[in-house]
PDB file of all heavy atoms in Angstrom:
ATOM      1  N   HIS A   1      96.737  98.395 104.481  1.00  0.00           N
ATOM      2  CA  HIS A   1      96.273  97.565 103.368  1.00  0.00           C
ATOM      3  C   HIS A   1      95.387  96.423 103.854  1.00  0.00           C
ATOM      4  O   HIS A   1      94.359  96.121 103.241  1.00  0.00           O
ATOM      5  CB  HIS A   1      97.483  97.007 102.622  1.00  0.00           C
ATOM      6  CG  HIS A   1      97.145  95.955 101.608  1.00  0.00           C
ATOM      7  ND1 HIS A   1      96.353  96.203 100.498  1.00  0.00           N
ATOM      8  CD2 HIS A   1      97.471  94.627 101.554  1.00  0.00           C
ATOM      9  CE1 HIS A   1      96.223  95.093  99.796  1.00  0.00           C
ATOM     10  NE2 HIS A   1      96.878  94.121 100.420  1.00  0.00           N
ATOM     11  N   ARG A   2      95.772  95.786 104.947  1.00  0.00           N
ATOM     12  CA  ARG A   2      95.028  94.628 105.450  1.00  0.00           C
ATOM     13  C   ARG A   2      93.709  95.024 106.106  1.00  0.00           C
ATOM     14  O   ARG A   2      92.693  94.346 105.936  1.00  0.00           O
ATOM     15  CB  ARG A   2      95.868  93.865 106.468  1.00  0.00           C
ATOM     16  CG  ARG A   2      97.101  93.191 105.909  1.00  0.00           C
ATOM     17  CD  ARG A   2      96.780  91.814 105.391  1.00  0.00           C
ATOM     18  NE  ARG A   2      98.002  91.138 104.962  1.00  0.00           N
ATOM     19  CZ  ARG A   2      98.115  90.472 103.828  1.00  0.00           C
ATOM     20  NH1 ARG A   2      97.087  90.401 103.007  1.00  0.00           N
ATOM     21  NH2 ARG A   2      99.246  89.887 103.508  1.00  0.00           N
ATOM     22  N   PHE A   3      93.719  96.095 106.885  1.00  0.00           N
ATOM     23  CA  PHE A   3      92.588  96.382 107.771  1.00  0.00           C
ATOM     24  C   PHE A   3      91.937  97.743 107.559  1.00  0.00           C
ATOM     25  O   PHE A   3      90.918  98.033 108.176  1.00  0.00           O
ATOM     26  CB  PHE A   3      93.047  96.277 109.240  1.00  0.00           C
ATOM     27  CG  PHE A   3      93.828  95.040 109.540  1.00  0.00           C
ATOM     28  CD1 PHE A   3      95.166  95.121 109.911  1.00  0.00           C
ATOM     29  CD2 PHE A   3      93.248  93.780 109.433  1.00  0.00           C
ATOM     30  CE1 PHE A   3      95.906  93.976 110.192  1.00  0.00           C
ATOM     31  CE2 PHE A   3      93.966  92.632 109.710  1.00  0.00           C
ATOM     32  CZ  PHE A   3      95.300  92.727 110.087  1.00  0.00           C
ATOM     33  N   GLY A   4      92.504  98.578 106.692  1.00  0.00           N
ATOM     34  CA  GLY A   4      91.994  99.935 106.533  1.00  0.00           C
ATOM     35  C   GLY A   4      90.706 100.021 105.742  1.00  0.00           C
ATOM     36  O   GLY A   4      90.347  99.119 104.960  1.00  0.00           O
ATOM     37  N   THR A   5      89.998 101.128 105.940  1.00  0.00           N
ATOM     38  CA  THR A   5      88.799 101.411 105.145  1.00  0.00           C
ATOM     39  C   THR A   5      89.224 101.904 103.767  1.00  0.00           C
ATOM     40  O   THR A   5      90.402 102.228 103.532  1.00  0.00           O
ATOM     41  CB  THR A   5      87.955 102.503 105.826  1.00  0.00           C
ATOM     42  OG1 THR A   5      88.727 103.722 105.868  1.00  0.00           O
ATOM     43  CG2 THR A   5      87.574 102.095 107.246  1.00  0.00           C
ATOM     44  N   ALA A   6      88.275 101.980 102.863  1.00  0.00           N
ATOM     45  CA  ALA A   6      88.575 102.476 101.516  1.00  0.00           C
ATOM     46  C   ALA A   6      89.126 103.894 101.590  1.00  0.00           C
ATOM     47  O   ALA A   6      90.062 104.256 100.859  1.00  0.00           O
ATOM     48  CB  ALA A   6      87.315 102.432 100.655  1.00  0.00           C
ATOM     49  N   GLU A   7      88.565 104.707 102.483  1.00  0.00           N
ATOM     50  CA  GLU A   7      89.032 106.086 102.636  1.00  0.00           C
ATOM     51  C   GLU A   7      90.456 106.136 103.178  1.00  0.00           C
ATOM     52  O   GLU A   7      91.281 106.936 102.712  1.00  0.00           O
ATOM     53  CB  GLU A   7      88.095 106.846 103.571  1.00  0.00           C
ATOM     54  CG  GLU A   7      88.481 108.309 103.754  1.00  0.00           C
ATOM     55  CD  GLU A   7      87.552 109.029 104.708  1.00  0.00           C
ATOM     56  OE1 GLU A   7      86.532 108.432 105.122  1.00  0.00           O
ATOM     57  OE2 GLU A   7      87.847 110.198 105.052  1.00  0.00           O
ATOM     58  N   GLN A   8      90.771 105.291 104.167  1.00  0.00           N
ATOM     59  CA  GLN A   8      92.120 105.263 104.739  1.00  0.00           C
ATOM     60  C   GLN A   8      93.139 104.802 103.704  1.00  0.00           C
ATOM     61  O   GLN A   8      94.241 105.354 103.610  1.00  0.00           O
ATOM     62  CB  GLN A   8      92.136 104.346 105.955  1.00  0.00           C
ATOM     63  CG  GLN A   8      91.400 104.900 107.159  1.00  0.00           C
ATOM     64  CD  GLN A   8      91.206 103.866 108.261  1.00  0.00           C
ATOM     65  OE1 GLN A   8      91.340 102.663 108.030  1.00  0.00           O
ATOM     66  NE2 GLN A   8      90.881 104.338 109.459  1.00  0.00           N
ATOM     67  N   LYS A   9      92.772 103.814 102.923  1.00  0.00           N
ATOM     68  CA  LYS A   9      93.680 103.332 101.887  1.00  0.00           C
ATOM     69  C   LYS A   9      93.929 104.408 100.839  1.00  0.00           C
ATOM     70  O   LYS A   9      95.063 104.622 100.412  1.00  0.00           O
ATOM     71  CB  LYS A   9      93.105 102.083 101.222  1.00  0.00           C
ATOM     72  CG  LYS A   9      93.035 100.863 102.130  1.00  0.00           C
ATOM     73  CD  LYS A   9      92.394  99.691 101.422  1.00  0.00           C
ATOM     74  CE  LYS A   9      92.293  98.486 102.341  1.00  0.00           C
ATOM     75  NZ  LYS A   9      91.644  97.337 101.681  1.00  0.00           N
ATOM     76  N   GLU A  10      92.875 105.086 100.415  1.00  0.00           N
ATOM     77  CA  GLU A  10      93.010 106.130  99.395  1.00  0.00           C
ATOM     78  C   GLU A  10      93.856 107.288  99.900  1.00  0.00           C
ATOM     79  O   GLU A  10      94.639 107.881  99.145  1.00  0.00           O
ATOM     80  CB  GLU A  10      91.625 106.630  98.990  1.00  0.00           C
ATOM     81  CG  GLU A  10      91.657 107.654  97.864  1.00  0.00           C
ATOM     82  CD  GLU A  10      90.271 108.103  97.444  1.00  0.00           C
ATOM     83  OE1 GLU A  10      89.288 107.496  97.914  1.00  0.00           O
ATOM     84  OE2 GLU A  10      90.166 109.065  96.654  1.00  0.00           O
ATOM     85  N   ARG A  11      93.745 107.589 101.192  1.00  0.00           N
ATOM     86  CA  ARG A  11      94.476 108.724 101.752  1.00  0.00           C
ATOM     87  C   ARG A  11      95.955 108.423 101.950  1.00  0.00           C
ATOM     88  O   ARG A  11      96.816 109.260 101.644  1.00  0.00           O
ATOM     89  CB  ARG A  11      93.868 109.135 103.095  1.00  0.00           C
ATOM     90  CG  ARG A  11      94.621 110.287 103.768  1.00  0.00           C
ATOM     91  CD  ARG A  11      94.021 110.662 105.108  1.00  0.00           C
ATOM     92  NE  ARG A  11      94.778 111.730 105.749  1.00  0.00           N
ATOM     93  CZ  ARG A  11      94.516 112.221 106.959  1.00  0.00           C
ATOM     94  NH1 ARG A  11      93.494 111.732 107.665  1.00  0.00           N
ATOM     95  NH2 ARG A  11      95.270 113.187 107.461  1.00  0.00           N
ATOM     96  N   TRP A  12      96.276 107.239 102.457  1.00  0.00           N
ATOM     97  CA  TRP A  12      97.636 106.969 102.900  1.00  0.00           C
ATOM     98  C   TRP A  12      98.478 106.103 101.971  1.00  0.00           C
ATOM     99  O   TRP A  12      99.685 106.309 101.855  1.00  0.00           O
ATOM    100  CB  TRP A  12      97.604 106.305 104.291  1.00  0.00           C
ATOM    101  CG  TRP A  12      96.997 107.129 105.365  1.00  0.00           C
ATOM    102  CD1 TRP A  12      95.828 106.900 106.032  1.00  0.00           C
ATOM    103  CD2 TRP A  12      97.517 108.347 105.924  1.00  0.00           C
ATOM    104  NE1 TRP A  12      95.582 107.879 106.963  1.00  0.00           N
ATOM    105  CE2 TRP A  12      96.611 108.780 106.920  1.00  0.00           C
ATOM    106  CE3 TRP A  12      98.657 109.113 105.676  1.00  0.00           C
ATOM    107  CZ2 TRP A  12      96.808 109.936 107.662  1.00  0.00           C
ATOM    108  CZ3 TRP A  12      98.857 110.259 106.420  1.00  0.00           C
ATOM    109  CH2 TRP A  12      97.953 110.665 107.398  1.00  0.00           C
ATOM    110  N   LEU A  13      97.869 105.109 101.333  1.00  0.00           N
ATOM    111  CA  LEU A  13      98.678 104.125 100.619  1.00  0.00           C
ATOM    112  C   LEU A  13      99.479 104.674  99.437  1.00  0.00           C
ATOM    113  O   LEU A  13     100.641 104.280  99.253  1.00  0.00           O
ATOM    114  CB  LEU A  13      97.813 102.949 100.163  1.00  0.00           C
ATOM    115  CG  LEU A  13      97.388 101.982 101.268  1.00  0.00           C
ATOM    116  CD1 LEU A  13      96.583 100.814 100.683  1.00  0.00           C
ATOM    117  CD2 LEU A  13      98.601 101.444 102.039  1.00  0.00           C
ATOM    118  N   PRO A  14      98.932 105.548  98.599  1.00  0.00           N
ATOM    119  CA  PRO A  14      99.730 106.004  97.445  1.00  0.00           C
ATOM    120  C   PRO A  14     101.104 106.552  97.829  1.00  0.00           C
ATOM    121  O   PRO A  14     102.114 106.210  97.194  1.00  0.00           O
ATOM    122  CB  PRO A  14      98.837 107.069  96.809  1.00  0.00           C
ATOM    123  CG  PRO A  14      97.452 106.623  97.140  1.00  0.00           C
ATOM    124  CD  PRO A  14      97.555 106.083  98.534  1.00  0.00           C
ATOM    125  N   LYS A  15     101.171 107.395  98.852  1.00  0.00           N
ATOM    126  CA  LYS A  15     102.465 107.959  99.248  1.00  0.00           C
ATOM    127  C   LYS A  15     103.359 106.922  99.929  1.00  0.00           C
ATOM    128  O   LYS A  15     104.583 106.935  99.764  1.00  0.00           O
ATOM    129  CB  LYS A  15     102.257 109.159 100.170  1.00  0.00           C
ATOM    130  CG  LYS A  15     101.743 110.392  99.454  1.00  0.00           C
ATOM    131  CD  LYS A  15     101.734 111.601 100.372  1.00  0.00           C
ATOM    132  CE  LYS A  15     101.316 112.857  99.606  1.00  0.00           C
ATOM    133  NZ  LYS A  15     101.321 114.068 100.471  1.00  0.00           N
ATOM    134  N   LEU A  16     102.748 106.023 100.702  1.00  0.00           N
ATOM    135  CA  LEU A  16     103.543 104.998 101.374  1.00  0.00           C
ATOM    136  C   LEU A  16     104.123 104.007 100.379  1.00  0.00           C
ATOM    137  O   LEU A  16     105.264 103.552 100.522  1.00  0.00           O
ATOM    138  CB  LEU A  16     102.694 104.260 102.409  1.00  0.00           C
ATOM    139  CG  LEU A  16     102.180 105.087 103.593  1.00  0.00           C
ATOM    140  CD1 LEU A  16     101.308 104.222 104.507  1.00  0.00           C
ATOM    141  CD2 LEU A  16     103.337 105.701 104.377  1.00  0.00           C
ATOM    142  N   LEU A  17     103.363 103.651  99.357  1.00  0.00           N
ATOM    143  CA  LEU A  17     103.816 102.653  98.389  1.00  0.00           C
ATOM    144  C   LEU A  17     104.802 103.214  97.381  1.00  0.00           C
ATOM    145  O   LEU A  17     105.553 102.458  96.757  1.00  0.00           O
ATOM    146  CB  LEU A  17     102.617 102.046  97.652  1.00  0.00           C
ATOM    147  CG  LEU A  17     101.512 101.436  98.525  1.00  0.00           C
ATOM    148  CD1 LEU A  17     100.568 100.595  97.678  1.00  0.00           C
ATOM    149  CD2 LEU A  17     102.082 100.618  99.664  1.00  0.00           C
ATOM    150  N   SER A  18     104.821 104.532  97.248  1.00  0.00           N
ATOM    151  CA  SER A  18     105.784 105.160  96.343  1.00  0.00           C
ATOM    152  C   SER A  18     107.097 105.482  97.047  1.00  0.00           C
ATOM    153  O   SER A  18     108.079 105.843  96.398  1.00  0.00           O
ATOM    154  CB  SER A  18     105.201 106.447  95.761  1.00  0.00           C
ATOM    155  OG  SER A  18     105.067 107.433  96.774  1.00  0.00           O
ATOM    156  N   GLY A  19     107.104 105.377  98.377  1.00  0.00           N
ATOM    157  CA  GLY A  19     108.292 105.722  99.140  1.00  0.00           C
ATOM    158  C   GLY A  19     108.403 107.213  99.423  1.00  0.00           C
ATOM    159  O   GLY A  19     109.375 107.656 100.034  1.00  0.00           O
ATOM    160  N   GLU A  20     107.407 107.996  99.014  1.00  0.00           N
ATOM    161  CA  GLU A  20     107.405 109.428  99.324  1.00  0.00           C
ATOM    162  C   GLU A  20     107.216 109.659 100.815  1.00  0.00           C
ATOM    163  O   GLU A  20     107.651 110.680 101.351  1.00  0.00           O
ATOM    164  CB  GLU A  20     106.281 110.130  98.555  1.00  0.00           C
ATOM    165  CG  GLU A  20     106.432 110.122  97.048  1.00  0.00           C
ATOM    166  CD  GLU A  20     105.224 110.766  96.380  1.00  0.00           C
ATOM    167  OE1 GLU A  20     104.934 111.946  96.705  1.00  0.00           O
ATOM    168  OE2 GLU A  20     104.566 110.099  95.565  1.00  0.00           O
ATOM    169  N   ALA A  21     106.546 108.714 101.480  1.00  0.00           N
ATOM    170  CA  ALA A  21     106.287 108.828 102.910  1.00  0.00           C
ATOM    171  C   ALA A  21     106.538 107.485 103.577  1.00  0.00           C
ATOM    172  O   ALA A  21     106.494 106.433 102.927  1.00  0.00           O
ATOM    173  CB  ALA A  21     104.849 109.283 103.163  1.00  0.00           C
ATOM    174  N   LEU A  22     106.815 107.529 104.879  1.00  0.00           N
ATOM    175  CA  LEU A  22     107.017 106.330 105.672  1.00  0.00           C
ATOM    176  C   LEU A  22     105.997 106.297 106.805  1.00  0.00           C
ATOM    177  O   LEU A  22     105.441 107.327 107.190  1.00  0.00           O
ATOM    178  CB  LEU A  22     108.430 106.295 106.263  1.00  0.00           C
ATOM    179  CG  LEU A  22     109.599 106.284 105.277  1.00  0.00           C
ATOM    180  CD1 LEU A  22     110.918 106.368 106.036  1.00  0.00           C
ATOM    181  CD2 LEU A  22     109.568 105.033 104.408  1.00  0.00           C
ATOM    182  N   ALA A  23     105.782 105.111 107.347  1.00  0.00           N
ATOM    183  CA  ALA A  23     104.886 104.965 108.491  1.00  0.00           C
ATOM    184  C   ALA A  23     105.515 104.012 109.494  1.00  0.00           C
ATOM    185  O   ALA A  23     106.263 103.104 109.132  1.00  0.00           O
ATOM    186  CB  ALA A  23     103.518 104.429 108.044  1.00  0.00           C
ATOM    187  N   GLY A  24     105.216 104.234 110.766  1.00  0.00           N
ATOM    188  CA  GLY A  24     105.704 103.364 111.825  1.00  0.00           C
ATOM    189  C   GLY A  24     104.561 102.591 112.450  1.00  0.00           C
ATOM    190  O   GLY A  24     103.385 102.913 112.251  1.00  0.00           O
ATOM    191  N   PHE A  25     104.910 101.578 113.238  1.00  0.00           N
ATOM    192  CA  PHE A  25     103.910 100.746 113.910  1.00  0.00           C
ATOM    193  C   PHE A  25     104.216 100.752 115.407  1.00  0.00           C
ATOM    194  O   PHE A  25     105.212 100.171 115.847  1.00  0.00           O
ATOM    195  CB  PHE A  25     103.955  99.317 113.355  1.00  0.00           C
ATOM    196  CG  PHE A  25     102.862  98.417 113.876  1.00  0.00           C
ATOM    197  CD1 PHE A  25     101.548  98.624 113.500  1.00  0.00           C
ATOM    198  CD2 PHE A  25     103.152  97.363 114.725  1.00  0.00           C
ATOM    199  CE1 PHE A  25     100.536  97.801 113.964  1.00  0.00           C
ATOM    200  CE2 PHE A  25     102.145  96.525 115.188  1.00  0.00           C
ATOM    201  CZ  PHE A  25     100.840  96.743 114.809  1.00  0.00           C
ATOM    202  N   GLY A  26     103.386 101.433 116.186  1.00  0.00           N
ATOM    203  CA  GLY A  26     103.644 101.600 117.612  1.00  0.00           C
ATOM    204  C   GLY A  26     103.033 100.487 118.432  1.00  0.00           C
ATOM    205  O   GLY A  26     101.881 100.592 118.888  1.00  0.00           O
ATOM    206  N   LEU A  27     103.812  99.444 118.659  1.00  0.00           N
ATOM    207  CA  LEU A  27     103.356  98.314 119.466  1.00  0.00           C
ATOM    208  C   LEU A  27     104.111  98.238 120.786  1.00  0.00           C
ATOM    209  O   LEU A  27     103.522  98.293 121.865  1.00  0.00           O
ATOM    210  CB  LEU A  27     103.531  97.005 118.684  1.00  0.00           C
ATOM    211  CG  LEU A  27     103.321  95.703 119.463  1.00  0.00           C
ATOM    212  CD1 LEU A  27     101.891  95.623 119.977  1.00  0.00           C
ATOM    213  CD2 LEU A  27     103.642  94.492 118.582  1.00  0.00           C
ATOM    214  N   THR A  28     105.432  98.118 120.719  1.00  0.00           N
ATOM    215  CA  THR A  28     106.254  97.925 121.919  1.00  0.00           C
ATOM    216  C   THR A  28     106.203  99.145 122.837  1.00  0.00           C
ATOM    217  O   THR A  28     106.207 100.280 122.377  1.00  0.00           O
ATOM    218  CB  THR A  28     107.714  97.650 121.514  1.00  0.00           C
ATOM    219  OG1 THR A  28     107.746  96.528 120.636  1.00  0.00           O
ATOM    220  CG2 THR A  28     108.566  97.350 122.734  1.00  0.00           C
ATOM    221  N   GLU A  29     106.165  98.877 124.134  1.00  0.00           N
ATOM    222  CA  GLU A  29     106.172  99.940 125.132  1.00  0.00           C
ATOM    223  C   GLU A  29     107.353  99.757 126.078  1.00  0.00           C
ATOM    224  O   GLU A  29     107.890  98.651 126.197  1.00  0.00           O
ATOM    225  CB  GLU A  29     104.851  99.954 125.904  1.00  0.00           C
ATOM    226  CG  GLU A  29     103.652 100.251 125.012  1.00  0.00           C
ATOM    227  CD  GLU A  29     102.365 100.432 125.801  1.00  0.00           C
ATOM    228  OE1 GLU A  29     102.377 100.266 127.041  1.00  0.00           O
ATOM    229  OE2 GLU A  29     101.334 100.725 125.165  1.00  0.00           O
TER     230      GLU A  29
END
């Protein structure tokens, strides 16, 4: 939402915001 392109938002956000899908954030190693 903060940094994605319009295409990335359209592709991923609807399912993530509905709870149909989840996403992780890979920072720690």
